[in-house]
């Protein structure tokens, strides 16, 4: 090979290398984009009041609430799958009193949907929900008899329907004409009482047990759930969750209501204040009252829980 041929070959190789390198810089290959997206939030609210020689009187107290929200979303054009876990646990301690529970929740939601048109916000969806608590619940000051326990109650919802989901994920409406609700009371003492709507135990005239209470109850009904999250003023965010359920077979039209409304006041990236109210009405949940020193079961009542807290929050 002549010297001219060698120089020509080297020049061509150099030009090819430069051209390939410049194309990589100008038009880089797109990286693979995952269809999975996660958002996790953990927080801790804390409040404390202390007195020493305070002329107006008062009792010192300290409260703490841990809360977590973990969301994992799969999205691929016409298919969407959302996994959500919400946990809350709070306690309070006052002078002269034992530690008391103020909040206790474990909630898991799984929704998978399919839409025919990628521009539509409506999906054909199936939804599964599981709710329970972590520790025993009491009607204070009575700490001898638990009125609820882990998996007593626990609720599962499984159904299919139509779901509207906004592109910003701040609005959601789910309508299911066919949803199976299963109530679990996996504590025999509570099941024998017929707690949370299960069939109670049967006794003879002498008080001897004939049949133990059922530990589960299954219903088939109509379910509507909605979710709304909006910034109503600067750094003030309204968040609302609503669930309505009515059983077709047993007293259709008698609606179970679960409504949780919360205002989040954003101080900065990590500090937030929140004001919330949680309303629950379920005809199967009978309230407890102390009558002449004896814990007595009375009829169903509207349940209300109000929360005001300031704490730290971390999103990752």
C-alpha atoms as a PDB file:
ATOM      1  CA  UNK A   1       0.000   0.000   0.000  1.00  0.00           C
ATOM      2  CA  UNK A   2       1.398   3.388  -1.052  1.00  0.00           C
ATOM      3  CA  UNK A   3       1.914   6.278   1.362  1.00  0.00           C
ATOM      4  CA  UNK A   4      -0.893   8.249  -0.394  1.00  0.00           C
ATOM      5  CA  UNK A   5      -3.351   5.372   0.021  1.00  0.00           C
ATOM      6  CA  UNK A   6      -2.482   5.040   3.728  1.00  0.00           C
ATOM      7  CA  UNK A   7      -2.977   8.778   4.312  1.00  0.00           C
ATOM      8  CA  UNK A   8      -6.311   8.678   2.472  1.00  0.00           C
ATOM      9  CA  UNK A   9      -7.539   5.697   4.556  1.00  0.00           C
ATOM     10  CA  UNK A  10      -6.493   7.352   7.822  1.00  0.00           C
ATOM     11  CA  UNK A  11      -8.263  10.587   6.812  1.00  0.00           C
ATOM     12  CA  UNK A  12     -11.494   8.706   6.031  1.00  0.00           C
ATOM     13  CA  UNK A  13     -11.357   6.854   9.369  1.00  0.00           C
ATOM     14  CA  UNK A  14     -10.792  10.125  11.225  1.00  0.00           C
ATOM     15  CA  UNK A  15     -13.699  11.842   9.453  1.00  0.00           C
ATOM     16  CA  UNK A  16     -15.996   8.873  10.180  1.00  0.00           C
ATOM     17  CA  UNK A  17     -15.040   8.924  13.891  1.00  0.00           C
ATOM     18  CA  UNK A  18     -15.611  12.683  14.188  1.00  0.00           C
ATOM     19  CA  UNK A  19     -18.964  12.421  12.399  1.00  0.00           C
ATOM     20  CA  UNK A  20     -20.171   9.593  14.665  1.00  0.00           C
ATOM     21  CA  UNK A  21     -19.064  11.436  17.797  1.00  0.00           C
ATOM     22  CA  UNK A  22     -20.794  14.648  16.708  1.00  0.00           C
ATOM     23  CA  UNK A  23     -24.036  12.763  16.019  1.00  0.00           C
ATOM     24  CA  UNK A  24     -23.958  11.274  19.522  1.00  0.00           C
ATOM     25  CA  UNK A  25     -23.624  14.782  20.976  1.00  0.00           C
ATOM     26  CA  UNK A  26     -26.256  16.433  18.832  1.00  0.00           C
ATOM     27  CA  UNK A  27     -28.774  13.574  18.842  1.00  0.00           C
ATOM     28  CA  UNK A  28     -28.199  11.385  21.915  1.00  0.00           C
ATOM     29  CA  UNK A  29     -30.112   8.142  22.145  1.00  0.00           C
ATOM     30  CA  UNK A  30     -33.140   8.450  24.408  1.00  0.00           C
ATOM     31  CA  UNK A  31     -32.829   6.683  27.711  1.00  0.00           C
ATOM     32  CA  UNK A  32     -35.351   4.074  28.732  1.00  0.00           C
ATOM     33  CA  UNK A  33     -38.182   5.695  30.693  1.00  0.00           C
ATOM     34  CA  UNK A  34     -39.741   3.561  33.424  1.00  0.00           C
ATOM     35  CA  UNK A  35     -43.495   3.112  33.501  1.00  0.00           C
ATOM     36  CA  UNK A  36     -43.362   3.004  37.303  1.00  0.00           C
ATOM     37  CA  UNK A  37     -43.540   6.148  39.407  1.00  0.00           C
ATOM     38  CA  UNK A  38     -43.477   6.304  43.204  1.00  0.00           C
ATOM     39  CA  UNK A  39     -44.219   8.987  45.775  1.00  0.00           C
ATOM     40  CA  UNK A  40     -43.716   8.363  49.480  1.00  0.00           C
ATOM     41  CA  UNK A  41     -44.506  10.704  52.358  1.00  0.00           C
ATOM     42  CA  UNK A  42     -43.743  10.249  56.039  1.00  0.00           C
ATOM     43  CA  UNK A  43     -44.508  12.702  58.809  1.00  0.00           C
ATOM     44  CA  UNK A  44     -44.619  13.185  62.544  1.00  0.00           C
ATOM     45  CA  UNK A  45     -46.911  15.589  64.406  1.00  0.00           C
ATOM     46  CA  UNK A  46     -46.039  16.594  67.943  1.00  0.00           C
ATOM     47  CA  UNK A  47     -47.747  18.655  70.633  1.00  0.00           C
ATOM     48  CA  UNK A  48     -46.834  19.273  74.266  1.00  0.00           C
ATOM     49  CA  UNK A  49     -48.035  21.370  77.170  1.00  0.00           C
ATOM     50  CA  UNK A  50     -46.406  21.506  80.604  1.00  0.00           C
ATOM     51  CA  UNK A  51     -47.326  23.240  83.880  1.00  0.00           C
ATOM     52  CA  UNK A  52     -45.362  23.955  87.034  1.00  0.00           C
ATOM     53  CA  UNK A  53     -46.929  25.933  89.875  1.00  0.00           C
ATOM     54  CA  UNK A  54     -49.434  27.336  87.382  1.00  0.00           C
ATOM     55  CA  UNK A  55     -52.049  29.329  89.297  1.00  0.00           C
ATOM     56  CA  UNK A  56     -54.834  28.674  86.783  1.00  0.00           C
ATOM     57  CA  UNK A  57     -54.301  24.921  86.988  1.00  0.00           C
ATOM     58  CA  UNK A  58     -54.073  22.401  84.201  1.00  0.00           C
ATOM     59  CA  UNK A  59     -52.613  19.004  83.366  1.00  0.00           C
ATOM     60  CA  UNK A  60     -49.403  18.426  81.453  1.00  0.00           C
ATOM     61  CA  UNK A  61     -49.720  16.311  78.342  1.00  0.00           C
ATOM     62  CA  UNK A  62     -47.700  15.164  75.370  1.00  0.00           C
ATOM     63  CA  UNK A  63     -48.968  13.758  72.069  1.00  0.00           C
ATOM     64  CA  UNK A  64     -47.355  12.263  69.001  1.00  0.00           C
ATOM     65  CA  UNK A  65     -48.714  11.062  65.670  1.00  0.00           C
ATOM     66  CA  UNK A  66     -46.819   9.123  62.994  1.00  0.00           C
ATOM     67  CA  UNK A  67     -48.291   9.103  59.504  1.00  0.00           C
ATOM     68  CA  UNK A  68     -47.153   7.632  56.228  1.00  0.00           C
ATOM     69  CA  UNK A  69     -48.439   7.546  52.664  1.00  0.00           C
ATOM     70  CA  UNK A  70     -46.818   5.330  50.032  1.00  0.00           C
ATOM     71  CA  UNK A  71     -48.029   5.418  46.413  1.00  0.00           C
ATOM     72  CA  UNK A  72     -46.716   3.388  43.479  1.00  0.00           C
ATOM     73  CA  UNK A  73     -48.170   4.009  40.004  1.00  0.00           C
ATOM     74  CA  UNK A  74     -47.755   2.061  36.767  1.00  0.00           C
ATOM     75  CA  UNK A  75     -48.816   3.911  33.622  1.00  0.00           C
ATOM     76  CA  UNK A  76     -48.466   2.660  30.050  1.00  0.00           C
ATOM     77  CA  UNK A  77     -50.587   4.576  27.538  1.00  0.00           C
ATOM     78  CA  UNK A  78     -54.008   2.982  28.150  1.00  0.00           C
ATOM     79  CA  UNK A  79     -53.296   0.999  31.321  1.00  0.00           C
ATOM     80  CA  UNK A  80     -52.983   2.434  34.821  1.00  0.00           C
ATOM     81  CA  UNK A  81     -52.307   0.572  38.066  1.00  0.00           C
ATOM     82  CA  UNK A  82     -52.134   2.425  41.393  1.00  0.00           C
ATOM     83  CA  UNK A  83     -50.975   0.881  44.680  1.00  0.00           C
ATOM     84  CA  UNK A  84     -51.493   2.973  47.830  1.00  0.00           C
ATOM     85  CA  UNK A  85     -50.716   2.316  51.499  1.00  0.00           C
ATOM     86  CA  UNK A  86     -51.749   4.725  54.262  1.00  0.00           C
ATOM     87  CA  UNK A  87     -50.725   4.214  57.899  1.00  0.00           C
ATOM     88  CA  UNK A  88     -51.379   6.377  60.969  1.00  0.00           C
ATOM     89  CA  UNK A  89     -50.685   5.812  64.649  1.00  0.00           C
ATOM     90  CA  UNK A  90     -50.924   8.340  67.477  1.00  0.00           C
ATOM     91  CA  UNK A  91     -50.717   8.310  71.279  1.00  0.00           C
ATOM     92  CA  UNK A  92     -51.283  10.767  74.117  1.00  0.00           C
ATOM     93  CA  UNK A  93     -49.936  10.862  77.680  1.00  0.00           C
ATOM     94  CA  UNK A  94     -51.410  13.026  80.434  1.00  0.00           C
ATOM     95  CA  UNK A  95     -50.345  13.365  84.057  1.00  0.00           C
ATOM     96  CA  UNK A  96     -52.020  10.720  86.175  1.00  0.00           C
ATOM     97  CA  UNK A  97     -53.323   8.738  83.187  1.00  0.00           C
ATOM     98  CA  UNK A  98     -51.985   5.784  81.252  1.00  0.00           C
ATOM     99  CA  UNK A  99     -50.852   6.100  77.657  1.00  0.00           C
ATOM    100  CA  UNK A 100     -53.886   6.350  75.358  1.00  0.00           C
ATOM    101  CA  UNK A 101     -54.307   5.785  71.647  1.00  0.00           C
ATOM    102  CA  UNK A 102     -55.482   8.771  69.607  1.00  0.00           C
ATOM    103  CA  UNK A 103     -55.256   7.425  66.040  1.00  0.00           C
ATOM    104  CA  UNK A 104     -54.815   4.000  64.467  1.00  0.00           C
ATOM    105  CA  UNK A 105     -55.262   3.148  60.791  1.00  0.00           C
ATOM    106  CA  UNK A 106     -53.929   0.745  58.179  1.00  0.00           C
ATOM    107  CA  UNK A 107     -55.406   1.203  54.696  1.00  0.00           C
ATOM    108  CA  UNK A 108     -54.344  -0.455  51.436  1.00  0.00           C
ATOM    109  CA  UNK A 109     -55.847   0.380  48.027  1.00  0.00           C
ATOM    110  CA  UNK A 110     -55.149  -1.223  44.660  1.00  0.00           C
ATOM    111  CA  UNK A 111     -56.820  -0.021  41.445  1.00  0.00           C
ATOM    112  CA  UNK A 112     -56.158  -1.185  37.910  1.00  0.00           C
ATOM    113  CA  UNK A 113     -57.837   0.467  34.931  1.00  0.00           C
ATOM    114  CA  UNK A 114     -57.960   0.332  31.146  1.00  0.00           C
ATOM    115  CA  UNK A 115     -59.094   3.033  28.694  1.00  0.00           C
ATOM    116  CA  UNK A 116     -59.685   2.679  24.963  1.00  0.00           C
ATOM    117  CA  UNK A 117     -58.508   6.200  24.110  1.00  0.00           C
ATOM    118  CA  UNK A 118     -55.247   7.604  25.488  1.00  0.00           C
ATOM    119  CA  UNK A 119     -56.799  11.093  25.620  1.00  0.00           C
ATOM    120  CA  UNK A 120     -59.718  10.008  27.816  1.00  0.00           C
ATOM    121  CA  UNK A 121     -59.777  10.405  31.608  1.00  0.00           C
ATOM    122  CA  UNK A 122     -62.294   7.558  32.059  1.00  0.00           C
ATOM    123  CA  UNK A 123     -61.148   3.994  32.776  1.00  0.00           C
ATOM    124  CA  UNK A 124     -62.785   0.599  33.097  1.00  0.00           C
ATOM    125  CA  UNK A 125     -61.441  -0.233  36.548  1.00  0.00           C
ATOM    126  CA  UNK A 126     -61.274  -2.891  39.241  1.00  0.00           C
ATOM    127  CA  UNK A 127     -60.578  -1.866  42.833  1.00  0.00           C
ATOM    128  CA  UNK A 128     -59.507  -3.711  45.993  1.00  0.00           C
ATOM    129  CA  UNK A 129     -59.393  -2.063  49.431  1.00  0.00           C
ATOM    130  CA  UNK A 130     -58.316  -3.430  52.809  1.00  0.00           C
ATOM    131  CA  UNK A 131     -58.753  -1.552  56.113  1.00  0.00           C
ATOM    132  CA  UNK A 132     -57.867  -2.476  59.674  1.00  0.00           C
ATOM    133  CA  UNK A 133     -55.925  -1.197  62.718  1.00  0.00           C
ATOM    134  CA  UNK A 134     -52.744  -2.090  64.602  1.00  0.00           C
ATOM    135  CA  UNK A 135     -53.623  -2.319  68.308  1.00  0.00           C
ATOM    136  CA  UNK A 136     -56.566  -2.734  70.684  1.00  0.00           C
ATOM    137  CA  UNK A 137     -59.094   0.063  71.025  1.00  0.00           C
ATOM    138  CA  UNK A 138     -60.893   0.982  74.260  1.00  0.00           C
ATOM    139  CA  UNK A 139     -63.803   3.124  75.386  1.00  0.00           C
ATOM    140  CA  UNK A 140     -61.793   5.154  77.888  1.00  0.00           C
ATOM    141  CA  UNK A 141     -61.535   5.178  80.875  1.00  0.00           C
ATOM    142  CA  UNK A 142     -62.402   1.457  80.633  1.00  0.00           C
ATOM    143  CA  UNK A 143     -59.166  -0.327  79.730  1.00  0.00           C
ATOM    144  CA  UNK A 144     -60.287  -3.819  80.709  1.00  0.00           C
ATOM    145  CA  UNK A 145     -62.533  -4.601  77.751  1.00  0.00           C
ATOM    146  CA  UNK A 146     -61.284  -3.991  74.214  1.00  0.00           C
ATOM    147  CA  UNK A 147     -63.968  -2.765  71.808  1.00  0.00           C
ATOM    148  CA  UNK A 148     -61.735  -3.421  68.766  1.00  0.00           C
ATOM    149  CA  UNK A 149     -58.555  -5.314  67.930  1.00  0.00           C
ATOM    150  CA  UNK A 150     -56.222  -6.105  65.039  1.00  0.00           C
ATOM    151  CA  UNK A 151     -58.426  -7.659  62.298  1.00  0.00           C
ATOM    152  CA  UNK A 152     -61.457  -7.007  64.499  1.00  0.00           C
ATOM    153  CA  UNK A 153     -62.704  -5.310  62.526  1.00  0.00           C
ATOM    154  CA  UNK A 154     -61.066  -5.536  59.133  1.00  0.00           C
ATOM    155  CA  UNK A 155     -62.839  -4.626  55.906  1.00  0.00           C
ATOM    156  CA  UNK A 156     -62.228  -5.671  52.320  1.00  0.00           C
ATOM    157  CA  UNK A 157     -63.893  -4.214  49.230  1.00  0.00           C
ATOM    158  CA  UNK A 158     -63.580  -5.854  45.821  1.00  0.00           C
ATOM    159  CA  UNK A 159     -65.442  -4.612  42.785  1.00  0.00           C
ATOM    160  CA  UNK A 160     -65.445  -3.253  39.250  1.00  0.00           C
ATOM    161  CA  UNK A 161     -66.790  -0.115  37.644  1.00  0.00           C
ATOM    162  CA  UNK A 162     -65.888   3.155  35.949  1.00  0.00           C
ATOM    163  CA  UNK A 163     -63.234   5.578  37.169  1.00  0.00           C
ATOM    164  CA  UNK A 164     -62.496   9.192  36.275  1.00  0.00           C
ATOM    165  CA  UNK A 165     -58.902  10.230  36.955  1.00  0.00           C
ATOM    166  CA  UNK A 166     -57.542  13.679  36.092  1.00  0.00           C
ATOM    167  CA  UNK A 167     -54.156  13.986  34.415  1.00  0.00           C
ATOM    168  CA  UNK A 168     -52.824  15.977  37.386  1.00  0.00           C
ATOM    169  CA  UNK A 169     -53.950  13.171  39.732  1.00  0.00           C
ATOM    170  CA  UNK A 170     -55.764  15.699  41.907  1.00  0.00           C
ATOM    171  CA  UNK A 171     -59.307  14.473  41.130  1.00  0.00           C
ATOM    172  CA  UNK A 172     -60.672  10.946  41.161  1.00  0.00           C
ATOM    173  CA  UNK A 173     -64.185   9.494  41.017  1.00  0.00           C
ATOM    174  CA  UNK A 174     -64.923   5.763  41.123  1.00  0.00           C
ATOM    175  CA  UNK A 175     -68.417   4.322  40.592  1.00  0.00           C
ATOM    176  CA  UNK A 176     -68.957   0.597  41.056  1.00  0.00           C
ATOM    177  CA  UNK A 177     -72.421  -0.989  40.632  1.00  0.00           C
ATOM    178  CA  UNK A 178     -71.069  -4.308  41.901  1.00  0.00           C
ATOM    179  CA  UNK A 179     -68.763  -4.406  44.928  1.00  0.00           C
ATOM    180  CA  UNK A 180     -68.394  -7.173  47.480  1.00  0.00           C
ATOM    181  CA  UNK A 181     -67.765  -5.991  51.041  1.00  0.00           C
ATOM    182  CA  UNK A 182     -66.405  -8.447  53.583  1.00  0.00           C
ATOM    183  CA  UNK A 183     -66.334  -7.613  57.301  1.00  0.00           C
ATOM    184  CA  UNK A 184     -63.904  -9.631  59.414  1.00  0.00           C
ATOM    185  CA  UNK A 185     -64.064  -9.889  63.225  1.00  0.00           C
ATOM    186  CA  UNK A 186     -61.263 -12.323  64.034  1.00  0.00           C
ATOM    187  CA  UNK A 187     -61.745 -12.062  67.794  1.00  0.00           C
ATOM    188  CA  UNK A 188     -64.242 -14.589  69.149  1.00  0.00           C
ATOM    189  CA  UNK A 189     -65.262 -12.465  72.133  1.00  0.00           C
ATOM    190  CA  UNK A 190     -66.243  -9.569  69.878  1.00  0.00           C
ATOM    191  CA  UNK A 191     -67.780 -11.937  67.312  1.00  0.00           C
ATOM    192  CA  UNK A 192     -69.992 -13.477  70.018  1.00  0.00           C
ATOM    193  CA  UNK A 193     -71.298  -9.985  70.779  1.00  0.00           C
ATOM    194  CA  UNK A 194     -72.198  -9.471  67.132  1.00  0.00           C
ATOM    195  CA  UNK A 195     -69.766  -6.564  66.887  1.00  0.00           C
ATOM    196  CA  UNK A 196     -69.518  -4.668  63.570  1.00  0.00           C
ATOM    197  CA  UNK A 197     -72.537  -6.434  62.107  1.00  0.00           C
ATOM    198  CA  UNK A 198     -71.542 -10.112  62.190  1.00  0.00           C
ATOM    199  CA  UNK A 199     -74.058 -12.690  63.429  1.00  0.00           C
ATOM    200  CA  UNK A 200     -73.757 -12.909  67.210  1.00  0.00           C
ATOM    201  CA  UNK A 201     -73.596 -16.024  69.350  1.00  0.00           C
ATOM    202  CA  UNK A 202     -76.719 -18.028  70.287  1.00  0.00           C
ATOM    203  CA  UNK A 203     -77.343 -19.003  73.917  1.00  0.00           C
ATOM    204  CA  UNK A 204     -80.029 -21.144  75.576  1.00  0.00           C
ATOM    205  CA  UNK A 205     -82.335 -19.887  78.312  1.00  0.00           C
ATOM    206  CA  UNK A 206     -79.739 -20.823  80.929  1.00  0.00           C
ATOM    207  CA  UNK A 207     -77.029 -18.789  79.223  1.00  0.00           C
ATOM    208  CA  UNK A 208     -75.144 -21.767  77.799  1.00  0.00           C
ATOM    209  CA  UNK A 209     -73.476 -21.234  74.456  1.00  0.00           C
ATOM    210  CA  UNK A 210     -75.132 -23.059  71.558  1.00  0.00           C
ATOM    211  CA  UNK A 211     -73.460 -21.454  68.523  1.00  0.00           C
ATOM    212  CA  UNK A 212     -70.494 -19.119  68.507  1.00  0.00           C
ATOM    213  CA  UNK A 213     -70.749 -15.827  66.680  1.00  0.00           C
ATOM    214  CA  UNK A 214     -69.703 -15.603  63.041  1.00  0.00           C
ATOM    215  CA  UNK A 215     -66.296 -14.079  62.360  1.00  0.00           C
ATOM    216  CA  UNK A 216     -67.213 -12.643  58.969  1.00  0.00           C
ATOM    217  CA  UNK A 217     -70.042 -11.030  57.061  1.00  0.00           C
ATOM    218  CA  UNK A 218     -70.318 -10.670  53.290  1.00  0.00           C
ATOM    219  CA  UNK A 219     -72.358  -8.031  51.470  1.00  0.00           C
ATOM    220  CA  UNK A 220     -72.892  -7.126  47.820  1.00  0.00           C
ATOM    221  CA  UNK A 221     -73.662  -3.539  46.994  1.00  0.00           C
ATOM    222  CA  UNK A 222     -73.039  -0.206  45.288  1.00  0.00           C
ATOM    223  CA  UNK A 223     -69.840   1.775  45.982  1.00  0.00           C
ATOM    224  CA  UNK A 224     -68.856   5.353  45.174  1.00  0.00           C
ATOM    225  CA  UNK A 225     -65.489   6.819  46.168  1.00  0.00           C
ATOM    226  CA  UNK A 226     -64.013  10.215  45.395  1.00  0.00           C
ATOM    227  CA  UNK A 227     -60.740  12.028  46.002  1.00  0.00           C
ATOM    228  CA  UNK A 228     -60.016  15.742  45.661  1.00  0.00           C
ATOM    229  CA  UNK A 229     -56.817  17.687  46.265  1.00  0.00           C
ATOM    230  CA  UNK A 230     -56.783  21.422  45.505  1.00  0.00           C
ATOM    231  CA  UNK A 231     -54.756  24.468  46.537  1.00  0.00           C
ATOM    232  CA  UNK A 232     -57.625  26.750  47.583  1.00  0.00           C
ATOM    233  CA  UNK A 233     -55.306  29.576  48.717  1.00  0.00           C
ATOM    234  CA  UNK A 234     -51.565  30.040  48.473  1.00  0.00           C
ATOM    235  CA  UNK A 235     -49.910  27.268  50.530  1.00  0.00           C
ATOM    236  CA  UNK A 236     -53.289  26.014  51.793  1.00  0.00           C
ATOM    237  CA  UNK A 237     -54.230  22.655  50.309  1.00  0.00           C
ATOM    238  CA  UNK A 238     -57.620  20.998  50.693  1.00  0.00           C
ATOM    239  CA  UNK A 239     -57.689  17.189  50.567  1.00  0.00           C
ATOM    240  CA  UNK A 240     -60.910  15.187  50.768  1.00  0.00           C
ATOM    241  CA  UNK A 241     -61.696  11.463  50.584  1.00  0.00           C
ATOM    242  CA  UNK A 242     -65.294  10.211  50.474  1.00  0.00           C
ATOM    243  CA  UNK A 243     -66.708   6.680  50.383  1.00  0.00           C
ATOM    244  CA  UNK A 244     -70.411   5.742  50.091  1.00  0.00           C
ATOM    245  CA  UNK A 245     -71.593   2.117  50.198  1.00  0.00           C
ATOM    246  CA  UNK A 246     -75.049   0.523  50.257  1.00  0.00           C
ATOM    247  CA  UNK A 247     -75.844  -3.189  50.369  1.00  0.00           C
ATOM    248  CA  UNK A 248     -78.353  -4.482  47.787  1.00  0.00           C
ATOM    249  CA  UNK A 249     -79.686  -7.338  49.915  1.00  0.00           C
ATOM    250  CA  UNK A 250     -79.848  -5.936  53.442  1.00  0.00           C
ATOM    251  CA  UNK A 251     -81.746  -2.640  53.681  1.00  0.00           C
ATOM    252  CA  UNK A 252     -80.713  -1.078  50.367  1.00  0.00           C
ATOM    253  CA  UNK A 253     -80.587   2.714  50.647  1.00  0.00           C
ATOM    254  CA  UNK A 254     -79.043   2.633  54.112  1.00  0.00           C
ATOM    255  CA  UNK A 255     -75.682   4.185  53.174  1.00  0.00           C
ATOM    256  CA  UNK A 256     -72.362   3.688  54.991  1.00  0.00           C
ATOM    257  CA  UNK A 257     -70.478   6.990  54.949  1.00  0.00           C
ATOM    258  CA  UNK A 258     -66.752   7.568  55.374  1.00  0.00           C
ATOM    259  CA  UNK A 259     -65.624  11.164  54.801  1.00  0.00           C
ATOM    260  CA  UNK A 260     -62.163  12.484  55.644  1.00  0.00           C
ATOM    261  CA  UNK A 261     -61.435  16.181  55.031  1.00  0.00           C
ATOM    262  CA  UNK A 262     -58.096  17.837  55.732  1.00  0.00           C
ATOM    263  CA  UNK A 263     -56.506  21.258  55.282  1.00  0.00           C
ATOM    264  CA  UNK A 264     -52.721  21.256  54.915  1.00  0.00           C
ATOM    265  CA  UNK A 265     -50.983  24.553  55.660  1.00  0.00           C
ATOM    266  CA  UNK A 266     -47.520  24.543  54.091  1.00  0.00           C
ATOM    267  CA  UNK A 267     -44.912  26.410  56.150  1.00  0.00           C
ATOM    268  CA  UNK A 268     -41.902  25.268  54.135  1.00  0.00           C
ATOM    269  CA  UNK A 269     -40.614  22.137  52.447  1.00  0.00           C
ATOM    270  CA  UNK A 270     -40.535  20.117  55.668  1.00  0.00           C
ATOM    271  CA  UNK A 271     -42.878  21.839  58.144  1.00  0.00           C
ATOM    272  CA  UNK A 272     -46.662  21.670  57.811  1.00  0.00           C
ATOM    273  CA  UNK A 273     -49.736  22.274  59.917  1.00  0.00           C
ATOM    274  CA  UNK A 274     -52.945  20.368  59.330  1.00  0.00           C
ATOM    275  CA  UNK A 275     -56.572  20.620  60.387  1.00  0.00           C
ATOM    276  CA  UNK A 276     -58.814  17.648  59.737  1.00  0.00           C
ATOM    277  CA  UNK A 277     -62.213  16.133  60.413  1.00  0.00           C
ATOM    278  CA  UNK A 278     -63.184  12.496  59.863  1.00  0.00           C
ATOM    279  CA  UNK A 279     -66.880  11.504  59.742  1.00  0.00           C
ATOM    280  CA  UNK A 280     -68.033   7.867  59.773  1.00  0.00           C
ATOM    281  CA  UNK A 281     -71.522   6.383  59.869  1.00  0.00           C
ATOM    282  CA  UNK A 282     -72.094   2.639  59.622  1.00  0.00           C
ATOM    283  CA  UNK A 283     -75.351   1.087  60.786  1.00  0.00           C
ATOM    284  CA  UNK A 284     -73.468  -2.090  61.738  1.00  0.00           C
ATOM    285  CA  UNK A 285     -71.161  -0.298  64.190  1.00  0.00           C
ATOM    286  CA  UNK A 286     -72.861   0.020  67.571  1.00  0.00           C
ATOM    287  CA  UNK A 287     -71.466   2.593  69.986  1.00  0.00           C
ATOM    288  CA  UNK A 288     -70.459   1.827  73.587  1.00  0.00           C
ATOM    289  CA  UNK A 289     -71.466   3.785  76.673  1.00  0.00           C
ATOM    290  CA  UNK A 290     -70.783   3.514  80.396  1.00  0.00           C
ATOM    291  CA  UNK A 291     -74.141   3.148  82.183  1.00  0.00           C
ATOM    292  CA  UNK A 292     -73.980   2.776  85.972  1.00  0.00           C
ATOM    293  CA  UNK A 293     -70.379   1.643  85.675  1.00  0.00           C
ATOM    294  CA  UNK A 294     -71.205  -1.054  83.108  1.00  0.00           C
ATOM    295  CA  UNK A 295     -70.138  -0.871  79.466  1.00  0.00           C
ATOM    296  CA  UNK A 296     -73.329  -1.119  77.413  1.00  0.00           C
ATOM    297  CA  UNK A 297     -73.879  -1.448  73.680  1.00  0.00           C
ATOM    298  CA  UNK A 298     -76.262   1.121  72.242  1.00  0.00           C
ATOM    299  CA  UNK A 299     -77.385   1.957  68.722  1.00  0.00           C
ATOM    300  CA  UNK A 300     -75.300   3.267  65.817  1.00  0.00           C
ATOM    301  CA  UNK A 301     -74.221   6.909  65.951  1.00  0.00           C
ATOM    302  CA  UNK A 302     -72.370   9.355  63.757  1.00  0.00           C
ATOM    303  CA  UNK A 303     -68.655   9.083  64.536  1.00  0.00           C
ATOM    304  CA  UNK A 304     -66.495  12.210  64.460  1.00  0.00           C
ATOM    305  CA  UNK A 305     -62.752  12.680  64.872  1.00  0.00           C
ATOM    306  CA  UNK A 306     -61.157  16.139  64.722  1.00  0.00           C
ATOM    307  CA  UNK A 307     -57.410  16.637  64.341  1.00  0.00           C
ATOM    308  CA  UNK A 308     -55.178  19.683  64.648  1.00  0.00           C
ATOM    309  CA  UNK A 309     -51.432  19.206  64.376  1.00  0.00           C
ATOM    310  CA  UNK A 310     -48.091  20.738  63.463  1.00  0.00           C
ATOM    311  CA  UNK A 311     -45.163  18.613  62.465  1.00  0.00           C
ATOM    312  CA  UNK A 312     -42.467  17.522  60.070  1.00  0.00           C
ATOM    313  CA  UNK A 313     -43.040  15.921  56.673  1.00  0.00           C
ATOM    314  CA  UNK A 314     -40.582  14.352  54.254  1.00  0.00           C
ATOM    315  CA  UNK A 315     -41.384  13.406  50.668  1.00  0.00           C
ATOM    316  CA  UNK A 316     -39.198  10.994  48.688  1.00  0.00           C
END
